[in-house]
Amino acid sequence: MMAGHSRDYLNKLELAERLGITRRNVEEMMRRRKIPFIALGHRTVRFFWPAVEKALGRLEHKAIGQEAK
């Protein structure tokens, strides 16, 4: 498991609030494997915030003419 502070690990509701989306949207992103998650049990999952940020960065669409990083 990745090292990190406990506050870096979020549940679905906490992630949804941080992203400004619904819990259902988080579940859909999980289903489509758009964001990484850690399955701790049958219903319990956690999201490592730095890994989620990195994954969301890969989904970013650049404007035409904007340089890629």
PDB file of N, CA and C in Angstrom:
ATOM      1  N   MET A   1       0.844  -1.181   0.000  1.00  0.00           N
ATOM      2  CA  MET A   1       0.000   0.000   0.000  1.00  0.00           C
ATOM      3  C   MET A   1       0.883   1.236   0.000  1.00  0.00           C
ATOM      4  N   MET A   2       0.434   2.286  -0.622  1.00  0.00           N
ATOM      5  CA  MET A   2       1.198   3.518  -0.687  1.00  0.00           C
ATOM      6  C   MET A   2       1.280   4.184   0.671  1.00  0.00           C
ATOM      7  N   ALA A   3       2.403   4.824   0.907  1.00  0.00           N
ATOM      8  CA  ALA A   3       2.555   5.573   2.156  1.00  0.00           C
ATOM      9  C   ALA A   3       1.818   6.896   2.046  1.00  0.00           C
ATOM     10  N   GLY A   4       1.326   7.390   3.139  1.00  0.00           N
ATOM     11  CA  GLY A   4       0.634   8.673   3.142  1.00  0.00           C
ATOM     12  C   GLY A   4      -0.017   8.917   4.476  1.00  0.00           C
ATOM     13  N   HIS A   5      -0.452  10.122   4.663  1.00  0.00           N
ATOM     14  CA  HIS A   5      -1.158  10.468   5.891  1.00  0.00           C
ATOM     15  C   HIS A   5      -2.593   9.978   5.792  1.00  0.00           C
ATOM     16  N   SER A   6      -3.201   9.676   6.926  1.00  0.00           N
ATOM     17  CA  SER A   6      -4.564   9.154   6.916  1.00  0.00           C
ATOM     18  C   SER A   6      -5.537  10.131   6.268  1.00  0.00           C
ATOM     19  N   ARG A   7      -5.259  11.429   6.333  1.00  0.00           N
ATOM     20  CA  ARG A   7      -6.160  12.400   5.708  1.00  0.00           C
ATOM     21  C   ARG A   7      -6.083  12.376   4.180  1.00  0.00           C
ATOM     22  N   ASP A   8      -5.052  11.681   3.636  1.00  0.00           N
ATOM     23  CA  ASP A   8      -4.933  11.529   2.188  1.00  0.00           C
ATOM     24  C   ASP A   8      -5.857  10.442   1.658  1.00  0.00           C
ATOM     25  N   TYR A   9      -6.402   9.619   2.558  1.00  0.00           N
ATOM     26  CA  TYR A   9      -7.305   8.544   2.173  1.00  0.00           C
ATOM     27  C   TYR A   9      -8.735   8.999   2.415  1.00  0.00           C
ATOM     28  N   LEU A  10      -9.534   8.998   1.360  1.00  0.00           N
ATOM     29  CA  LEU A  10     -10.893   9.523   1.423  1.00  0.00           C
ATOM     30  C   LEU A  10     -11.902   8.419   1.139  1.00  0.00           C
ATOM     31  N   ASN A  11     -13.099   8.554   1.720  1.00  0.00           N
ATOM     32  CA  ASN A  11     -14.186   7.655   1.345  1.00  0.00           C
ATOM     33  C   ASN A  11     -14.941   8.281   0.172  1.00  0.00           C
ATOM     34  N   LYS A  12     -15.967   7.613  -0.318  1.00  0.00           N
ATOM     35  CA  LYS A  12     -16.689   8.103  -1.500  1.00  0.00           C
ATOM     36  C   LYS A  12     -17.289   9.491  -1.292  1.00  0.00           C
ATOM     37  N   LEU A  13     -17.915   9.692  -0.158  1.00  0.00           N
ATOM     38  CA  LEU A  13     -18.554  10.977   0.099  1.00  0.00           C
ATOM     39  C   LEU A  13     -17.521  12.096   0.205  1.00  0.00           C
ATOM     40  N   GLU A  14     -16.424  11.837   0.893  1.00  0.00           N
ATOM     41  CA  GLU A  14     -15.371  12.846   1.031  1.00  0.00           C
ATOM     42  C   GLU A  14     -14.764  13.196  -0.332  1.00  0.00           C
ATOM     43  N   LEU A  15     -14.546  12.184  -1.173  1.00  0.00           N
ATOM     44  CA  LEU A  15     -14.012  12.446  -2.507  1.00  0.00           C
ATOM     45  C   LEU A  15     -15.006  13.240  -3.341  1.00  0.00           C
ATOM     46  N   ALA A  16     -16.270  12.857  -3.266  1.00  0.00           N
ATOM     47  CA  ALA A  16     -17.309  13.579  -4.016  1.00  0.00           C
ATOM     48  C   ALA A  16     -17.348  15.050  -3.606  1.00  0.00           C
ATOM     49  N   GLU A  17     -17.282  15.307  -2.309  1.00  0.00           N
ATOM     50  CA  GLU A  17     -17.303  16.689  -1.825  1.00  0.00           C
ATOM     51  C   GLU A  17     -16.068  17.446  -2.288  1.00  0.00           C
ATOM     52  N   ARG A  18     -14.911  16.811  -2.248  1.00  0.00           N
ATOM     53  CA  ARG A  18     -13.671  17.472  -2.662  1.00  0.00           C
ATOM     54  C   ARG A  18     -13.704  17.807  -4.151  1.00  0.00           C
ATOM     55  N   LEU A  19     -14.320  16.930  -4.953  1.00  0.00           N
ATOM     56  CA  LEU A  19     -14.387  17.158  -6.400  1.00  0.00           C
ATOM     57  C   LEU A  19     -15.601  17.982  -6.824  1.00  0.00           C
ATOM     58  N   GLY A  20     -16.550  18.171  -5.911  1.00  0.00           N
ATOM     59  CA  GLY A  20     -17.757  18.920  -6.253  1.00  0.00           C
ATOM     60  C   GLY A  20     -18.704  18.149  -7.152  1.00  0.00           C
ATOM     61  N   ILE A  21     -18.747  16.826  -6.957  1.00  0.00           N
ATOM     62  CA  ILE A  21     -19.633  15.965  -7.730  1.00  0.00           C
ATOM     63  C   ILE A  21     -20.445  15.103  -6.761  1.00  0.00           C
ATOM     64  N   THR A  22     -21.343  14.298  -7.302  1.00  0.00           N
ATOM     65  CA  THR A  22     -22.150  13.426  -6.452  1.00  0.00           C
ATOM     66  C   THR A  22     -21.419  12.116  -6.164  1.00  0.00           C
ATOM     67  N   ARG A  23     -21.868  11.436  -5.124  1.00  0.00           N
ATOM     68  CA  ARG A  23     -21.316  10.118  -4.800  1.00  0.00           C
ATOM     69  C   ARG A  23     -21.561   9.153  -5.955  1.00  0.00           C
ATOM     70  N   ARG A  24     -22.688   9.294  -6.604  1.00  0.00           N
ATOM     71  CA  ARG A  24     -23.010   8.444  -7.760  1.00  0.00           C
ATOM     72  C   ARG A  24     -22.001   8.657  -8.885  1.00  0.00           C
ATOM     73  N   ASN A  25     -21.564   9.894  -9.103  1.00  0.00           N
ATOM     74  CA  ASN A  25     -20.540  10.166 -10.113  1.00  0.00           C
ATOM     75  C   ASN A  25     -19.218   9.490  -9.746  1.00  0.00           C
ATOM     76  N   VAL A  26     -18.885   9.497  -8.480  1.00  0.00           N
ATOM     77  CA  VAL A  26     -17.670   8.813  -8.021  1.00  0.00           C
ATOM     78  C   VAL A  26     -17.788   7.319  -8.325  1.00  0.00           C
ATOM     79  N   GLU A  27     -18.936   6.730  -8.034  1.00  0.00           N
ATOM     80  CA  GLU A  27     -19.138   5.307  -8.299  1.00  0.00           C
ATOM     81  C   GLU A  27     -19.038   4.999  -9.794  1.00  0.00           C
ATOM     82  N   GLU A  28     -19.539   5.893 -10.623  1.00  0.00           N
ATOM     83  CA  GLU A  28     -19.457   5.704 -12.075  1.00  0.00           C
ATOM     84  C   GLU A  28     -17.998   5.801 -12.542  1.00  0.00           C
ATOM     85  N   MET A  29     -17.243   6.724 -11.976  1.00  0.00           N
ATOM     86  CA  MET A  29     -15.825   6.853 -12.326  1.00  0.00           C
ATOM     87  C   MET A  29     -15.052   5.608 -11.886  1.00  0.00           C
ATOM     88  N   MET A  30     -15.439   5.033 -10.760  1.00  0.00           N
ATOM     89  CA  MET A  30     -14.830   3.778 -10.304  1.00  0.00           C
ATOM     90  C   MET A  30     -15.159   2.654 -11.284  1.00  0.00           C
ATOM     91  N   ARG A  31     -16.416   2.563 -11.653  1.00  0.00           N
ATOM     92  CA  ARG A  31     -16.867   1.495 -12.554  1.00  0.00           C
ATOM     93  C   ARG A  31     -16.125   1.552 -13.883  1.00  0.00           C
ATOM     94  N   ARG A  32     -15.906   2.768 -14.369  1.00  0.00           N
ATOM     95  CA  ARG A  32     -15.204   2.949 -15.647  1.00  0.00           C
ATOM     96  C   ARG A  32     -13.680   2.949 -15.491  1.00  0.00           C
ATOM     97  N   ARG A  33     -13.209   2.759 -14.255  1.00  0.00           N
ATOM     98  CA  ARG A  33     -11.777   2.728 -13.942  1.00  0.00           C
ATOM     99  C   ARG A  33     -11.074   4.028 -14.340  1.00  0.00           C
ATOM    100  N   LYS A  34     -11.754   5.143 -14.113  1.00  0.00           N
ATOM    101  CA  LYS A  34     -11.177   6.465 -14.382  1.00  0.00           C
ATOM    102  C   LYS A  34     -10.339   6.961 -13.214  1.00  0.00           C
ATOM    103  N   ILE A  35     -10.652   6.470 -12.005  1.00  0.00           N
ATOM    104  CA  ILE A  35      -9.917   6.868 -10.815  1.00  0.00           C
ATOM    105  C   ILE A  35      -9.487   5.620 -10.050  1.00  0.00           C
ATOM    106  N   PRO A  36      -8.312   5.662  -9.453  1.00  0.00           N
ATOM    107  CA  PRO A  36      -7.849   4.508  -8.674  1.00  0.00           C
ATOM    108  C   PRO A  36      -8.515   4.463  -7.304  1.00  0.00           C
ATOM    109  N   PHE A  37      -8.727   3.258  -6.816  1.00  0.00           N
ATOM    110  CA  PHE A  37      -9.301   3.099  -5.488  1.00  0.00           C
ATOM    111  C   PHE A  37      -8.745   1.848  -4.839  1.00  0.00           C
ATOM    112  N   ILE A  38      -8.878   1.790  -3.536  1.00  0.00           N
ATOM    113  CA  ILE A  38      -8.410   0.657  -2.753  1.00  0.00           C
ATOM    114  C   ILE A  38      -9.630  -0.023  -2.149  1.00  0.00           C
ATOM    115  N   ALA A  39      -9.852  -1.276  -2.493  1.00  0.00           N
ATOM    116  CA  ALA A  39     -10.970  -2.045  -1.943  1.00  0.00           C
ATOM    117  C   ALA A  39     -10.519  -2.673  -0.634  1.00  0.00           C
ATOM    118  N   LEU A  40     -11.117  -2.238   0.464  1.00  0.00           N
ATOM    119  CA  LEU A  40     -10.767  -2.750   1.782  1.00  0.00           C
ATOM    120  C   LEU A  40     -11.695  -3.861   2.238  1.00  0.00           C
ATOM    121  N   GLY A  41     -12.805  -3.991   1.584  1.00  0.00           N
ATOM    122  CA  GLY A  41     -13.790  -5.003   1.935  1.00  0.00           C
ATOM    123  C   GLY A  41     -14.858  -5.050   0.866  1.00  0.00           C
ATOM    124  N   HIS A  42     -15.934  -5.744   1.165  1.00  0.00           N
ATOM    125  CA  HIS A  42     -17.018  -5.893   0.190  1.00  0.00           C
ATOM    126  C   HIS A  42     -17.603  -4.547  -0.231  1.00  0.00           C
ATOM    127  N   ARG A  43     -17.798  -3.654   0.723  1.00  0.00           N
ATOM    128  CA  ARG A  43     -18.394  -2.343   0.426  1.00  0.00           C
ATOM    129  C   ARG A  43     -17.483  -1.169   0.750  1.00  0.00           C
ATOM    130  N   THR A  44     -16.364  -1.435   1.384  1.00  0.00           N
ATOM    131  CA  THR A  44     -15.498  -0.365   1.867  1.00  0.00           C
ATOM    132  C   THR A  44     -14.376  -0.085   0.882  1.00  0.00           C
ATOM    133  N   VAL A  45     -14.323   1.151   0.385  1.00  0.00           N
ATOM    134  CA  VAL A  45     -13.249   1.574  -0.503  1.00  0.00           C
ATOM    135  C   VAL A  45     -12.665   2.884   0.009  1.00  0.00           C
ATOM    136  N   ARG A  46     -11.422   3.124  -0.341  1.00  0.00           N
ATOM    137  CA  ARG A  46     -10.766   4.381  -0.020  1.00  0.00           C
ATOM    138  C   ARG A  46     -10.038   4.859  -1.261  1.00  0.00           C
ATOM    139  N   PHE A  47      -9.860   6.152  -1.323  1.00  0.00           N
ATOM    140  CA  PHE A  47      -9.190   6.793  -2.441  1.00  0.00           C
ATOM    141  C   PHE A  47      -7.978   7.531  -1.911  1.00  0.00           C
ATOM    142  N   PHE A  48      -6.803   7.264  -2.475  1.00  0.00           N
ATOM    143  CA  PHE A  48      -5.585   7.957  -2.087  1.00  0.00           C
ATOM    144  C   PHE A  48      -5.550   9.239  -2.911  1.00  0.00           C
ATOM    145  N   TRP A  49      -5.754  10.378  -2.248  1.00  0.00           N
ATOM    146  CA  TRP A  49      -5.944  11.645  -2.941  1.00  0.00           C
ATOM    147  C   TRP A  49      -4.846  11.961  -3.956  1.00  0.00           C
ATOM    148  N   PRO A  50      -3.551  11.835  -3.635  1.00  0.00           N
ATOM    149  CA  PRO A  50      -2.535  12.134  -4.652  1.00  0.00           C
ATOM    150  C   PRO A  50      -2.675  11.274  -5.920  1.00  0.00           C
ATOM    151  N   ALA A  51      -3.060  10.015  -5.769  1.00  0.00           N
ATOM    152  CA  ALA A  51      -3.246   9.143  -6.931  1.00  0.00           C
ATOM    153  C   ALA A  51      -4.470   9.563  -7.745  1.00  0.00           C
ATOM    154  N   VAL A  52      -5.522   9.995  -7.062  1.00  0.00           N
ATOM    155  CA  VAL A  52      -6.723  10.473  -7.769  1.00  0.00           C
ATOM    156  C   VAL A  52      -6.392  11.738  -8.555  1.00  0.00           C
ATOM    157  N   GLU A  53      -5.660  12.670  -7.930  1.00  0.00           N
ATOM    158  CA  GLU A  53      -5.263  13.900  -8.633  1.00  0.00           C
ATOM    159  C   GLU A  53      -4.467  13.576  -9.893  1.00  0.00           C
ATOM    160  N   LYS A  54      -3.554  12.646  -9.784  1.00  0.00           N
ATOM    161  CA  LYS A  54      -2.730  12.264 -10.934  1.00  0.00           C
ATOM    162  C   LYS A  54      -3.599  11.665 -12.043  1.00  0.00           C
ATOM    163  N   ALA A  55      -4.536  10.796 -11.666  1.00  0.00           N
ATOM    164  CA  ALA A  55      -5.424  10.170 -12.647  1.00  0.00           C
ATOM    165  C   ALA A  55      -6.302  11.217 -13.327  1.00  0.00           C
ATOM    166  N   LEU A  56      -6.812  12.169 -12.561  1.00  0.00           N
ATOM    167  CA  LEU A  56      -7.655  13.216 -13.142  1.00  0.00           C
ATOM    168  C   LEU A  56      -6.839  14.106 -14.075  1.00  0.00           C
ATOM    169  N   GLY A  57      -5.577  14.312 -13.753  1.00  0.00           N
ATOM    170  CA  GLY A  57      -4.701  15.096 -14.624  1.00  0.00           C
ATOM    171  C   GLY A  57      -4.541  14.454 -15.987  1.00  0.00           C
ATOM    172  N   ARG A  58      -4.550  13.133 -16.025  1.00  0.00           N
ATOM    173  CA  ARG A  58      -4.440  12.429 -17.308  1.00  0.00           C
ATOM    174  C   ARG A  58      -5.716  12.558 -18.133  1.00  0.00           C
ATOM    175  N   LEU A  59      -6.821  12.888 -17.489  1.00  0.00           N
ATOM    176  CA  LEU A  59      -8.094  13.043 -18.202  1.00  0.00           C
ATOM    177  C   LEU A  59      -8.284  14.453 -18.766  1.00  0.00           C
ATOM    178  N   GLU A  60      -7.406  15.358 -18.356  1.00  0.00           N
ATOM    179  CA  GLU A  60      -7.532  16.758 -18.762  1.00  0.00           C
ATOM    180  C   GLU A  60      -7.334  16.900 -20.270  1.00  0.00           C
ATOM    181  N   HIS A  61      -8.202  17.670 -20.902  1.00  0.00           N
ATOM    182  CA  HIS A  61      -8.103  17.962 -22.329  1.00  0.00           C
ATOM    183  C   HIS A  61      -7.500  19.345 -22.486  1.00  0.00           C
ATOM    184  N   LYS A  62      -6.451  19.429 -23.276  1.00  0.00           N
ATOM    185  CA  LYS A  62      -5.774  20.703 -23.509  1.00  0.00           C
ATOM    186  C   LYS A  62      -6.510  21.478 -24.604  1.00  0.00           C
ATOM    187  N   ALA A  63      -6.501  22.795 -24.489  1.00  0.00           N
ATOM    188  CA  ALA A  63      -7.091  23.651 -25.510  1.00  0.00           C
ATOM    189  C   ALA A  63      -6.222  23.607 -26.765  1.00  0.00           C
ATOM    190  N   ILE A  64      -6.810  23.828 -27.899  1.00  0.00           N
ATOM    191  CA  ILE A  64      -6.062  23.850 -29.147  1.00  0.00           C
ATOM    192  C   ILE A  64      -5.005  24.929 -29.063  1.00  0.00           C
ATOM    193  N   GLY A  65      -3.782  24.570 -29.426  1.00  0.00           N
ATOM    194  CA  GLY A  65      -2.687  25.518 -29.390  1.00  0.00           C
ATOM    195  C   GLY A  65      -1.972  25.593 -28.058  1.00  0.00           C
ATOM    196  N   GLN A  66      -2.525  24.952 -27.037  1.00  0.00           N
ATOM    197  CA  GLN A  66      -1.901  24.956 -25.728  1.00  0.00           C
ATOM    198  C   GLN A  66      -0.825  23.876 -25.697  1.00  0.00           C
ATOM    199  N   GLU A  67       0.332  24.209 -25.157  1.00  0.00           N
ATOM    200  CA  GLU A  67       1.432  23.245 -25.103  1.00  0.00           C
ATOM    201  C   GLU A  67       1.125  22.141 -24.114  1.00  0.00           C
ATOM    202  N   ALA A  68       1.495  20.922 -24.481  1.00  0.00           N
ATOM    203  CA  ALA A  68       1.371  19.788 -23.566  1.00  0.00           C
ATOM    204  C   ALA A  68       2.554  19.795 -22.626  1.00  0.00           C
ATOM    205  N   LYS A  69       2.319  19.366 -21.399  1.00  0.00           N
ATOM    206  CA  LYS A  69       3.399  19.306 -20.391  1.00  0.00           C
ATOM    207  C   LYS A  69       4.216  18.070 -20.561  1.00  0.00           C
TER     208      LYS A  69
END
